[in-house]
Amino acid sequence: MPANESEVKAFLKIFRERWPPKCWVLDRPENIQGISDLGFTIEQRHQEIMYLGYKDYVKGPEPDKNGSPGEIWFFKKIITRIEVYIKLKIWDYNGKTYVKCMSFHPANIREGK
């Protein structure tokens, strides 16, 4: 069942509060290539993720397929006329909340489907 608007906004609020200053993004090949294809700096990628909104939401939360704790949320956003696929994760461990960006690349590159 998809999340409603208030659930998505609550997730994004927690993500924004926990992500800076480390801004952890997985070093997957499609993410490295994606930032290059978009002509982005790391700071530009950071800003796009920080400004995600409810209308960018696609689906989630879903459990992590590798079995690790946490929830994965999926977003797509048009950036410089390119549809960008963004996958974010949030989890709790030892009383702390952690977040990371698992995917940030043009949607035509592997989407994990």
PDB file of N, CA and C in Angstrom:
ATOM      1  N   MET A   1       0.845  -1.186   0.000  1.00  0.00           N
ATOM      2  CA  MET A   1       0.000   0.000   0.000  1.00  0.00           C
ATOM      3  C   MET A   1       0.888   1.246   0.000  1.00  0.00           C
ATOM      4  N   PRO A   2       0.644   2.163  -0.925  1.00  0.00           N
ATOM      5  CA  PRO A   2       1.468   3.378  -0.992  1.00  0.00           C
ATOM      6  C   PRO A   2       1.282   4.239   0.257  1.00  0.00           C
ATOM      7  N   ALA A   3       2.294   5.004   0.544  1.00  0.00           N
ATOM      8  CA  ALA A   3       2.230   5.940   1.664  1.00  0.00           C
ATOM      9  C   ALA A   3       1.355   7.127   1.285  1.00  0.00           C
ATOM     10  N   ASN A   4       0.735   7.732   2.285  1.00  0.00           N
ATOM     11  CA  ASN A   4      -0.050   8.932   2.007  1.00  0.00           C
ATOM     12  C   ASN A   4       0.858  10.168   2.108  1.00  0.00           C
ATOM     13  N   GLU A   5       0.310  11.305   1.769  1.00  0.00           N
ATOM     14  CA  GLU A   5       1.107  12.536   1.717  1.00  0.00           C
ATOM     15  C   GLU A   5       1.795  12.843   3.047  1.00  0.00           C
ATOM     16  N   SER A   6       1.085  12.706   4.153  1.00  0.00           N
ATOM     17  CA  SER A   6       1.694  13.041   5.446  1.00  0.00           C
ATOM     18  C   SER A   6       2.812  12.058   5.801  1.00  0.00           C
ATOM     19  N   GLU A   7       2.678  10.790   5.417  1.00  0.00           N
ATOM     20  CA  GLU A   7       3.735   9.809   5.677  1.00  0.00           C
ATOM     21  C   GLU A   7       4.998  10.119   4.868  1.00  0.00           C
ATOM     22  N   VAL A   8       4.810  10.501   3.605  1.00  0.00           N
ATOM     23  CA  VAL A   8       5.954  10.844   2.756  1.00  0.00           C
ATOM     24  C   VAL A   8       6.648  12.086   3.306  1.00  0.00           C
ATOM     25  N   LYS A   9       5.870  13.081   3.680  1.00  0.00           N
ATOM     26  CA  LYS A   9       6.455  14.308   4.226  1.00  0.00           C
ATOM     27  C   LYS A   9       7.190  14.035   5.527  1.00  0.00           C
ATOM     28  N   ALA A  10       6.652  13.156   6.366  1.00  0.00           N
ATOM     29  CA  ALA A  10       7.319  12.802   7.630  1.00  0.00           C
ATOM     30  C   ALA A  10       8.639  12.086   7.349  1.00  0.00           C
ATOM     31  N   PHE A  11       8.635  11.161   6.370  1.00  0.00           N
ATOM     32  CA  PHE A  11       9.870  10.469   5.996  1.00  0.00           C
ATOM     33  C   PHE A  11      10.918  11.477   5.514  1.00  0.00           C
ATOM     34  N   LEU A  12      10.525  12.377   4.605  1.00  0.00           N
ATOM     35  CA  LEU A  12      11.468  13.345   4.057  1.00  0.00           C
ATOM     36  C   LEU A  12      12.007  14.278   5.148  1.00  0.00           C
ATOM     37  N   LYS A  13      11.179  14.637   6.101  1.00  0.00           N
ATOM     38  CA  LYS A  13      11.631  15.486   7.210  1.00  0.00           C
ATOM     39  C   LYS A  13      12.715  14.772   8.010  1.00  0.00           C
ATOM     40  N   ILE A  14      12.487  13.524   8.362  1.00  0.00           N
ATOM     41  CA  ILE A  14      13.498  12.758   9.104  1.00  0.00           C
ATOM     42  C   ILE A  14      14.763  12.607   8.264  1.00  0.00           C
ATOM     43  N   PHE A  15      14.588  12.289   6.987  1.00  0.00           N
ATOM     44  CA  PHE A  15      15.749  12.114   6.109  1.00  0.00           C
ATOM     45  C   PHE A  15      16.586  13.392   6.076  1.00  0.00           C
ATOM     46  N   ARG A  16      15.947  14.535   5.877  1.00  0.00           N
ATOM     47  CA  ARG A  16      16.672  15.812   5.810  1.00  0.00           C
ATOM     48  C   ARG A  16      17.402  16.121   7.117  1.00  0.00           C
ATOM     49  N   GLU A  17      16.768  15.821   8.232  1.00  0.00           N
ATOM     50  CA  GLU A  17      17.384  16.097   9.531  1.00  0.00           C
ATOM     51  C   GLU A  17      18.604  15.224   9.781  1.00  0.00           C
ATOM     52  N   ARG A  18      18.594  14.007   9.279  1.00  0.00           N
ATOM     53  CA  ARG A  18      19.662  13.045   9.580  1.00  0.00           C
ATOM     54  C   ARG A  18      20.755  12.994   8.516  1.00  0.00           C
ATOM     55  N   TRP A  19      20.466  13.419   7.302  1.00  0.00           N
ATOM     56  CA  TRP A  19      21.429  13.243   6.213  1.00  0.00           C
ATOM     57  C   TRP A  19      22.630  14.171   6.305  1.00  0.00           C
ATOM     58  N   PRO A  20      22.437  15.463   6.402  1.00  0.00           N
ATOM     59  CA  PRO A  20      23.621  16.320   6.505  1.00  0.00           C
ATOM     60  C   PRO A  20      24.323  16.093   7.836  1.00  0.00           C
ATOM     61  N   PRO A  21      25.583  16.282   7.971  1.00  0.00           N
ATOM     62  CA  PRO A  21      26.484  16.779   6.924  1.00  0.00           C
ATOM     63  C   PRO A  21      27.154  15.664   6.122  1.00  0.00           C
ATOM     64  N   LYS A  22      26.978  14.411   6.515  1.00  0.00           N
ATOM     65  CA  LYS A  22      27.722  13.339   5.855  1.00  0.00           C
ATOM     66  C   LYS A  22      27.254  13.063   4.426  1.00  0.00           C
ATOM     67  N   CYS A  23      25.962  13.125   4.182  1.00  0.00           N
ATOM     68  CA  CYS A  23      25.435  12.947   2.829  1.00  0.00           C
ATOM     69  C   CYS A  23      25.902  11.640   2.197  1.00  0.00           C
ATOM     70  N   TRP A  24      25.640  10.559   2.852  1.00  0.00           N
ATOM     71  CA  TRP A  24      26.077   9.245   2.421  1.00  0.00           C
ATOM     72  C   TRP A  24      25.299   8.783   1.196  1.00  0.00           C
ATOM     73  N   VAL A  25      25.995   8.548   0.090  1.00  0.00           N
ATOM     74  CA  VAL A  25      25.434   8.011  -1.145  1.00  0.00           C
ATOM     75  C   VAL A  25      26.257   6.787  -1.512  1.00  0.00           C
ATOM     76  N   LEU A  26      25.590   5.681  -1.794  1.00  0.00           N
ATOM     77  CA  LEU A  26      26.320   4.465  -2.164  1.00  0.00           C
ATOM     78  C   LEU A  26      27.122   4.693  -3.441  1.00  0.00           C
ATOM     79  N   ASP A  27      28.320   4.144  -3.467  1.00  0.00           N
ATOM     80  CA  ASP A  27      29.208   4.276  -4.624  1.00  0.00           C
ATOM     81  C   ASP A  27      28.950   3.176  -5.645  1.00  0.00           C
ATOM     82  N   ARG A  28      27.702   3.015  -6.042  1.00  0.00           N
ATOM     83  CA  ARG A  28      27.370   2.046  -7.081  1.00  0.00           C
ATOM     84  C   ARG A  28      27.776   2.613  -8.442  1.00  0.00           C
ATOM     85  N   PRO A  29      28.137   1.745  -9.387  1.00  0.00           N
ATOM     86  CA  PRO A  29      28.543   2.243 -10.705  1.00  0.00           C
ATOM     87  C   PRO A  29      27.494   3.147 -11.361  1.00  0.00           C
ATOM     88  N   GLU A  30      26.212   2.783 -11.233  1.00  0.00           N
ATOM     89  CA  GLU A  30      25.180   3.606 -11.874  1.00  0.00           C
ATOM     90  C   GLU A  30      25.054   4.977 -11.212  1.00  0.00           C
ATOM     91  N   ASN A  31      25.367   5.083  -9.911  1.00  0.00           N
ATOM     92  CA  ASN A  31      25.333   6.382  -9.242  1.00  0.00           C
ATOM     93  C   ASN A  31      26.512   7.255  -9.664  1.00  0.00           C
ATOM     94  N   ILE A  32      27.672   6.649  -9.775  1.00  0.00           N
ATOM     95  CA  ILE A  32      28.862   7.384 -10.218  1.00  0.00           C
ATOM     96  C   ILE A  32      28.678   7.854 -11.650  1.00  0.00           C
ATOM     97  N   GLN A  33      28.201   6.955 -12.523  1.00  0.00           N
ATOM     98  CA  GLN A  33      27.956   7.328 -13.915  1.00  0.00           C
ATOM     99  C   GLN A  33      26.828   8.346 -14.017  1.00  0.00           C
ATOM    100  N   GLY A  34      25.805   8.177 -13.188  1.00  0.00           N
ATOM    101  CA  GLY A  34      24.646   9.065 -13.224  1.00  0.00           C
ATOM    102  C   GLY A  34      24.986  10.505 -12.923  1.00  0.00           C
ATOM    103  N   ILE A  35      25.795  10.746 -11.917  1.00  0.00           N
ATOM    104  CA  ILE A  35      26.159  12.121 -11.579  1.00  0.00           C
ATOM    105  C   ILE A  35      26.977  12.741 -12.710  1.00  0.00           C
ATOM    106  N   SER A  36      27.796  11.912 -13.361  1.00  0.00           N
ATOM    107  CA  SER A  36      28.567  12.380 -14.511  1.00  0.00           C
ATOM    108  C   SER A  36      27.645  12.685 -15.692  1.00  0.00           C
ATOM    109  N   ASP A  37      26.709  11.771 -15.976  1.00  0.00           N
ATOM    110  CA  ASP A  37      25.778  11.973 -17.095  1.00  0.00           C
ATOM    111  C   ASP A  37      24.937  13.233 -16.915  1.00  0.00           C
ATOM    112  N   LEU A  38      24.587  13.532 -15.661  1.00  0.00           N
ATOM    113  CA  LEU A  38      23.786  14.721 -15.378  1.00  0.00           C
ATOM    114  C   LEU A  38      24.634  15.990 -15.354  1.00  0.00           C
ATOM    115  N   GLY A  39      25.960  15.831 -15.312  1.00  0.00           N
ATOM    116  CA  GLY A  39      26.847  16.985 -15.237  1.00  0.00           C
ATOM    117  C   GLY A  39      26.764  17.674 -13.884  1.00  0.00           C
ATOM    118  N   PHE A  40      26.480  16.899 -12.843  1.00  0.00           N
ATOM    119  CA  PHE A  40      26.279  17.433 -11.506  1.00  0.00           C
ATOM    120  C   PHE A  40      27.552  17.370 -10.677  1.00  0.00           C
ATOM    121  N   THR A  41      27.630  18.310  -9.740  1.00  0.00           N
ATOM    122  CA  THR A  41      28.612  18.202  -8.678  1.00  0.00           C
ATOM    123  C   THR A  41      27.945  17.430  -7.536  1.00  0.00           C
ATOM    124  N   ILE A  42      28.722  17.015  -6.575  1.00  0.00           N
ATOM    125  CA  ILE A  42      28.163  16.332  -5.408  1.00  0.00           C
ATOM    126  C   ILE A  42      27.218  17.278  -4.666  1.00  0.00           C
ATOM    127  N   GLU A  43      27.561  18.544  -4.600  1.00  0.00           N
ATOM    128  CA  GLU A  43      26.691  19.528  -3.928  1.00  0.00           C
ATOM    129  C   GLU A  43      25.354  19.668  -4.664  1.00  0.00           C
ATOM    130  N   GLN A  44      25.366  19.669  -5.993  1.00  0.00           N
ATOM    131  CA  GLN A  44      24.101  19.751  -6.741  1.00  0.00           C
ATOM    132  C   GLN A  44      23.238  18.523  -6.479  1.00  0.00           C
ATOM    133  N   ARG A  45      23.854  17.355  -6.434  1.00  0.00           N
ATOM    134  CA  ARG A  45      23.103  16.144  -6.115  1.00  0.00           C
ATOM    135  C   ARG A  45      22.505  16.262  -4.721  1.00  0.00           C
ATOM    136  N   HIS A  46      23.304  16.720  -3.782  1.00  0.00           N
ATOM    137  CA  HIS A  46      22.834  16.911  -2.412  1.00  0.00           C
ATOM    138  C   HIS A  46      21.609  17.835  -2.383  1.00  0.00           C
ATOM    139  N   GLN A  47      21.684  18.946  -3.074  1.00  0.00           N
ATOM    140  CA  GLN A  47      20.572  19.908  -3.086  1.00  0.00           C
ATOM    141  C   GLN A  47      19.306  19.302  -3.688  1.00  0.00           C
ATOM    142  N   GLU A  48      19.439  18.559  -4.765  1.00  0.00           N
ATOM    143  CA  GLU A  48      18.262  17.935  -5.380  1.00  0.00           C
ATOM    144  C   GLU A  48      17.589  16.955  -4.425  1.00  0.00           C
ATOM    145  N   ILE A  49      18.386  16.195  -3.704  1.00  0.00           N
ATOM    146  CA  ILE A  49      17.814  15.252  -2.746  1.00  0.00           C
ATOM    147  C   ILE A  49      17.162  15.993  -1.587  1.00  0.00           C
ATOM    148  N   MET A  50      17.799  17.046  -1.114  1.00  0.00           N
ATOM    149  CA  MET A  50      17.242  17.805   0.007  1.00  0.00           C
ATOM    150  C   MET A  50      15.926  18.485  -0.356  1.00  0.00           C
ATOM    151  N   TYR A  51      15.715  18.773  -1.629  1.00  0.00           N
ATOM    152  CA  TYR A  51      14.486  19.447  -2.057  1.00  0.00           C
ATOM    153  C   TYR A  51      13.433  18.500  -2.624  1.00  0.00           C
ATOM    154  N   LEU A  52      13.586  17.213  -2.417  1.00  0.00           N
ATOM    155  CA  LEU A  52      12.538  16.279  -2.835  1.00  0.00           C
ATOM    156  C   LEU A  52      11.240  16.622  -2.111  1.00  0.00           C
ATOM    157  N   GLY A  53      10.136  16.429  -2.805  1.00  0.00           N
ATOM    158  CA  GLY A  53       8.834  16.684  -2.206  1.00  0.00           C
ATOM    159  C   GLY A  53       7.883  15.524  -2.418  1.00  0.00           C
ATOM    160  N   TYR A  54       6.705  15.673  -1.876  1.00  0.00           N
ATOM    161  CA  TYR A  54       5.687  14.626  -1.978  1.00  0.00           C
ATOM    162  C   TYR A  54       5.400  14.250  -3.430  1.00  0.00           C
ATOM    163  N   LYS A  55       5.375  15.230  -4.314  1.00  0.00           N
ATOM    164  CA  LYS A  55       5.041  14.951  -5.715  1.00  0.00           C
ATOM    165  C   LYS A  55       6.105  14.129  -6.426  1.00  0.00           C
ATOM    166  N   ASP A  56       7.285  14.020  -5.835  1.00  0.00           N
ATOM    167  CA  ASP A  56       8.365  13.214  -6.415  1.00  0.00           C
ATOM    168  C   ASP A  56       8.297  11.748  -5.968  1.00  0.00           C
ATOM    169  N   TYR A  57       7.449  11.462  -4.997  1.00  0.00           N
ATOM    170  CA  TYR A  57       7.300  10.119  -4.431  1.00  0.00           C
ATOM    171  C   TYR A  57       6.724   9.151  -5.463  1.00  0.00           C
ATOM    172  N   VAL A  58       7.281   7.930  -5.511  1.00  0.00           N
ATOM    173  CA  VAL A  58       6.812   6.885  -6.416  1.00  0.00           C
ATOM    174  C   VAL A  58       6.206   5.722  -5.640  1.00  0.00           C
ATOM    175  N   LYS A  59       6.973   5.198  -4.673  1.00  0.00           N
ATOM    176  CA  LYS A  59       6.466   4.074  -3.890  1.00  0.00           C
ATOM    177  C   LYS A  59       7.301   3.891  -2.629  1.00  0.00           C
ATOM    178  N   GLY A  60       6.793   3.046  -1.759  1.00  0.00           N
ATOM    179  CA  GLY A  60       7.473   2.727  -0.522  1.00  0.00           C
ATOM    180  C   GLY A  60       6.592   3.103   0.658  1.00  0.00           C
ATOM    181  N   PRO A  61       7.012   2.760   1.823  1.00  0.00           N
ATOM    182  CA  PRO A  61       8.264   2.087   2.147  1.00  0.00           C
ATOM    183  C   PRO A  61       8.207   0.597   1.843  1.00  0.00           C
ATOM    184  N   GLU A  62       9.383   0.060   1.556  1.00  0.00           N
ATOM    185  CA  GLU A  62       9.540  -1.371   1.324  1.00  0.00           C
ATOM    186  C   GLU A  62      10.724  -1.854   2.134  1.00  0.00           C
ATOM    187  N   PRO A  63      10.699  -3.116   2.575  1.00  0.00           N
ATOM    188  CA  PRO A  63      11.870  -3.642   3.268  1.00  0.00           C
ATOM    189  C   PRO A  63      13.056  -3.749   2.307  1.00  0.00           C
ATOM    190  N   ASP A  64      14.248  -3.665   2.843  1.00  0.00           N
ATOM    191  CA  ASP A  64      15.461  -3.812   2.046  1.00  0.00           C
ATOM    192  C   ASP A  64      15.547  -5.258   1.570  1.00  0.00           C
ATOM    193  N   LYS A  65      15.714  -5.457   0.278  1.00  0.00           N
ATOM    194  CA  LYS A  65      15.745  -6.809  -0.295  1.00  0.00           C
ATOM    195  C   LYS A  65      16.915  -7.646   0.194  1.00  0.00           C
ATOM    196  N   ASN A  66      17.979  -7.005   0.673  1.00  0.00           N
ATOM    197  CA  ASN A  66      19.118  -7.790   1.159  1.00  0.00           C
ATOM    198  C   ASN A  66      18.937  -8.224   2.614  1.00  0.00           C
ATOM    199  N   GLY A  67      17.798  -7.875   3.204  1.00  0.00           N
ATOM    200  CA  GLY A  67      17.486  -8.322   4.547  1.00  0.00           C
ATOM    201  C   GLY A  67      18.000  -7.434   5.658  1.00  0.00           C
ATOM    202  N   SER A  68      18.725  -6.380   5.320  1.00  0.00           N
ATOM    203  CA  SER A  68      19.204  -5.488   6.372  1.00  0.00           C
ATOM    204  C   SER A  68      18.041  -4.630   6.879  1.00  0.00           C
ATOM    205  N   PRO A  69      18.137  -4.148   8.109  1.00  0.00           N
ATOM    206  CA  PRO A  69      17.027  -3.381   8.676  1.00  0.00           C
ATOM    207  C   PRO A  69      16.807  -2.073   7.931  1.00  0.00           C
ATOM    208  N   GLY A  70      15.582  -1.604   7.998  1.00  0.00           N
ATOM    209  CA  GLY A  70      15.261  -0.305   7.430  1.00  0.00           C
ATOM    210  C   GLY A  70      14.248  -0.376   6.311  1.00  0.00           C
ATOM    211  N   GLU A  71      13.837   0.808   5.917  1.00  0.00           N
ATOM    212  CA  GLU A  71      12.825   0.959   4.863  1.00  0.00           C
ATOM    213  C   GLU A  71      13.416   1.721   3.691  1.00  0.00           C
ATOM    214  N   ILE A  72      12.982   1.329   2.499  1.00  0.00           N
ATOM    215  CA  ILE A  72      13.427   1.998   1.275  1.00  0.00           C
ATOM    216  C   ILE A  72      12.238   2.714   0.653  1.00  0.00           C
ATOM    217  N   TRP A  73      12.487   3.938   0.249  1.00  0.00           N
ATOM    218  CA  TRP A  73      11.477   4.789  -0.386  1.00  0.00           C
ATOM    219  C   TRP A  73      11.999   5.186  -1.765  1.00  0.00           C
ATOM    220  N   PHE A  74      11.101   5.260  -2.741  1.00  0.00           N
ATOM    221  CA  PHE A  74      11.467   5.503  -4.134  1.00  0.00           C
ATOM    222  C   PHE A  74      10.884   6.826  -4.613  1.00  0.00           C
ATOM    223  N   PHE A  75      11.711   7.576  -5.349  1.00  0.00           N
ATOM    224  CA  PHE A  75      11.311   8.874  -5.877  1.00  0.00           C
ATOM    225  C   PHE A  75      11.799   9.000  -7.318  1.00  0.00           C
ATOM    226  N   LYS A  76      11.123   9.826  -8.092  1.00  0.00           N
ATOM    227  CA  LYS A  76      11.591  10.218  -9.421  1.00  0.00           C
ATOM    228  C   LYS A  76      11.364  11.715  -9.544  1.00  0.00           C
ATOM    229  N   LYS A  77      12.330  12.369 -10.173  1.00  0.00           N
ATOM    230  CA  LYS A  77      12.271  13.818 -10.295  1.00  0.00           C
ATOM    231  C   LYS A  77      12.838  14.219 -11.649  1.00  0.00           C
ATOM    232  N   ILE A  78      12.189  15.138 -12.303  1.00  0.00           N
ATOM    233  CA  ILE A  78      12.709  15.669 -13.569  1.00  0.00           C
ATOM    234  C   ILE A  78      13.720  16.758 -13.227  1.00  0.00           C
ATOM    235  N   ILE A  79      14.963  16.539 -13.652  1.00  0.00           N
ATOM    236  CA  ILE A  79      16.043  17.487 -13.403  1.00  0.00           C
ATOM    237  C   ILE A  79      16.713  17.753 -14.740  1.00  0.00           C
ATOM    238  N   THR A  80      16.749  19.000 -15.143  1.00  0.00           N
ATOM    239  CA  THR A  80      17.286  19.397 -16.454  1.00  0.00           C
ATOM    240  C   THR A  80      16.743  18.493 -17.562  1.00  0.00           C
ATOM    241  N   ARG A  81      15.444  18.297 -17.556  1.00  0.00           N
ATOM    242  CA  ARG A  81      14.685  17.526 -18.556  1.00  0.00           C
ATOM    243  C   ARG A  81      15.027  16.037 -18.575  1.00  0.00           C
ATOM    244  N   ILE A  82      15.660  15.552 -17.512  1.00  0.00           N
ATOM    245  CA  ILE A  82      15.985  14.132 -17.398  1.00  0.00           C
ATOM    246  C   ILE A  82      15.277  13.578 -16.171  1.00  0.00           C
ATOM    247  N   GLU A  83      14.603  12.444 -16.349  1.00  0.00           N
ATOM    248  CA  GLU A  83      13.954  11.797 -15.218  1.00  0.00           C
ATOM    249  C   GLU A  83      15.022  11.080 -14.388  1.00  0.00           C
ATOM    250  N   VAL A  84      15.120  11.451 -13.118  1.00  0.00           N
ATOM    251  CA  VAL A  84      16.138  10.903 -12.227  1.00  0.00           C
ATOM    252  C   VAL A  84      15.470   9.988 -11.203  1.00  0.00           C
ATOM    253  N   TYR A  85      16.040   8.808 -11.034  1.00  0.00           N
ATOM    254  CA  TYR A  85      15.576   7.791 -10.102  1.00  0.00           C
ATOM    255  C   TYR A  85      16.348   7.956  -8.799  1.00  0.00           C
ATOM    256  N   ILE A  86      15.625   8.070  -7.691  1.00  0.00           N
ATOM    257  CA  ILE A  86      16.240   8.312  -6.390  1.00  0.00           C
ATOM    258  C   ILE A  86      15.662   7.314  -5.392  1.00  0.00           C
ATOM    259  N   LYS A  87      16.540   6.588  -4.732  1.00  0.00           N
ATOM    260  CA  LYS A  87      16.113   5.592  -3.750  1.00  0.00           C
ATOM    261  C   LYS A  87      16.784   5.937  -2.428  1.00  0.00           C
ATOM    262  N   LEU A  88      15.968   6.139  -1.388  1.00  0.00           N
ATOM    263  CA  LEU A  88      16.458   6.555  -0.083  1.00  0.00           C
ATOM    264  C   LEU A  88      16.118   5.508   0.969  1.00  0.00           C
ATOM    265  N   LYS A  89      16.974   5.405   1.973  1.00  0.00           N
ATOM    266  CA  LYS A  89      16.759   4.420   3.021  1.00  0.00           C
ATOM    267  C   LYS A  89      16.915   5.073   4.387  1.00  0.00           C
ATOM    268  N   ILE A  90      16.101   4.591   5.333  1.00  0.00           N
ATOM    269  CA  ILE A  90      16.172   5.048   6.712  1.00  0.00           C
ATOM    270  C   ILE A  90      16.079   3.826   7.619  1.00  0.00           C
ATOM    271  N   TRP A  91      16.910   3.799   8.685  1.00  0.00           N
ATOM    272  CA  TRP A  91      16.840   2.686   9.626  1.00  0.00           C
ATOM    273  C   TRP A  91      17.331   3.148  10.996  1.00  0.00           C
ATOM    274  N   ASP A  92      16.944   2.400  12.013  1.00  0.00           N
ATOM    275  CA  ASP A  92      17.360   2.670  13.381  1.00  0.00           C
ATOM    276  C   ASP A  92      18.323   1.582  13.835  1.00  0.00           C
ATOM    277  N   TYR A  93      19.341   1.996  14.590  1.00  0.00           N
ATOM    278  CA  TYR A  93      20.295   1.052  15.142  1.00  0.00           C
ATOM    279  C   TYR A  93      20.821   1.622  16.460  1.00  0.00           C
ATOM    280  N   ASN A  94      20.712   0.833  17.503  1.00  0.00           N
ATOM    281  CA  ASN A  94      21.171   1.243  18.833  1.00  0.00           C
ATOM    282  C   ASN A  94      20.635   2.613  19.249  1.00  0.00           C
ATOM    283  N   GLY A  95      19.361   2.841  18.969  1.00  0.00           N
ATOM    284  CA  GLY A  95      18.721   4.079  19.400  1.00  0.00           C
ATOM    285  C   GLY A  95      18.994   5.299  18.540  1.00  0.00           C
ATOM    286  N   LYS A  96      19.698   5.124  17.433  1.00  0.00           N
ATOM    287  CA  LYS A  96      19.972   6.240  16.518  1.00  0.00           C
ATOM    288  C   LYS A  96      19.342   5.958  15.169  1.00  0.00           C
ATOM    289  N   THR A  97      18.959   7.004  14.474  1.00  0.00           N
ATOM    290  CA  THR A  97      18.390   6.885  13.139  1.00  0.00           C
ATOM    291  C   THR A  97      19.460   7.223  12.114  1.00  0.00           C
ATOM    292  N   TYR A  98      19.595   6.367  11.105  1.00  0.00           N
ATOM    293  CA  TYR A  98      20.566   6.556  10.036  1.00  0.00           C
ATOM    294  C   TYR A  98      19.839   6.625   8.697  1.00  0.00           C
ATOM    295  N   VAL A  99      20.436   7.334   7.754  1.00  0.00           N
ATOM    296  CA  VAL A  99      19.853   7.456   6.418  1.00  0.00           C
ATOM    297  C   VAL A  99      20.962   7.375   5.375  1.00  0.00           C
ATOM    298  N   LYS A 100      20.573   6.971   4.165  1.00  0.00           N
ATOM    299  CA  LYS A 100      21.511   7.018   3.044  1.00  0.00           C
ATOM    300  C   LYS A 100      20.729   7.078   1.743  1.00  0.00           C
ATOM    301  N   CYS A 101      21.411   7.570   0.730  1.00  0.00           N
ATOM    302  CA  CYS A 101      20.871   7.565  -0.624  1.00  0.00           C
ATOM    303  C   CYS A 101      21.461   6.346  -1.311  1.00  0.00           C
ATOM    304  N   MET A 102      20.588   5.440  -1.728  1.00  0.00           N
ATOM    305  CA  MET A 102      21.045   4.214  -2.368  1.00  0.00           C
ATOM    306  C   MET A 102      21.173   4.362  -3.881  1.00  0.00           C
ATOM    307  N   SER A 103      20.350   5.227  -4.470  1.00  0.00           N
ATOM    308  CA  SER A 103      20.393   5.437  -5.917  1.00  0.00           C
ATOM    309  C   SER A 103      20.116   6.892  -6.246  1.00  0.00           C
ATOM    310  N   PHE A 104      20.869   7.405  -7.214  1.00  0.00           N
ATOM    311  CA  PHE A 104      20.642   8.735  -7.783  1.00  0.00           C
ATOM    312  C   PHE A 104      21.252   8.710  -9.168  1.00  0.00           C
ATOM    313  N   HIS A 105      20.397   8.496 -10.170  1.00  0.00           N
ATOM    314  CA  HIS A 105      20.888   8.387 -11.545  1.00  0.00           C
ATOM    315  C   HIS A 105      19.711   8.531 -12.510  1.00  0.00           C
ATOM    316  N   PRO A 106      20.007   8.806 -13.793  1.00  0.00           N
ATOM    317  CA  PRO A 106      18.918   8.850 -14.765  1.00  0.00           C
ATOM    318  C   PRO A 106      18.101   7.563 -14.715  1.00  0.00           C
ATOM    319  N   ALA A 107      16.797   7.700 -14.842  1.00  0.00           N
ATOM    320  CA  ALA A 107      15.880   6.561 -14.686  1.00  0.00           C
ATOM    321  C   ALA A 107      16.113   5.486 -15.730  1.00  0.00           C
ATOM    322  N   ASN A 108      16.698   5.800 -16.863  1.00  0.00           N
ATOM    323  CA  ASN A 108      16.911   4.779 -17.882  1.00  0.00           C
ATOM    324  C   ASN A 108      18.081   3.863 -17.555  1.00  0.00           C
ATOM    325  N   ILE A 109      18.884   4.216 -16.543  1.00  0.00           N
ATOM    326  CA  ILE A 109      19.923   3.319 -16.051  1.00  0.00           C
ATOM    327  C   ILE A 109      19.243   2.412 -15.042  1.00  0.00           C
ATOM    328  N   ARG A 110      19.694   1.212 -14.904  1.00  0.00           N
ATOM    329  CA  ARG A 110      19.100   0.204 -14.010  1.00  0.00           C
ATOM    330  C   ARG A 110      18.342   0.815 -12.832  1.00  0.00           C
ATOM    331  N   GLU A 111      17.065   0.446 -12.697  1.00  0.00           N
ATOM    332  CA  GLU A 111      16.211   0.975 -11.640  1.00  0.00           C
ATOM    333  C   GLU A 111      15.959  -0.023 -10.534  1.00  0.00           C
ATOM    334  N   GLY A 112      16.580  -1.143 -10.540  1.00  0.00           N
ATOM    335  CA  GLY A 112      16.392  -2.108  -9.472  1.00  0.00           C
ATOM    336  C   GLY A 112      15.058  -2.823  -9.529  1.00  0.00           C
ATOM    337  N   LYS A 113      14.454  -2.854 -10.719  1.00  0.00           N
ATOM    338  CA  LYS A 113      13.167  -3.546 -10.858  1.00  0.00           C
ATOM    339  C   LYS A 113      13.382  -4.984 -11.176  1.00  0.00           C
TER     340      LYS A 113
END
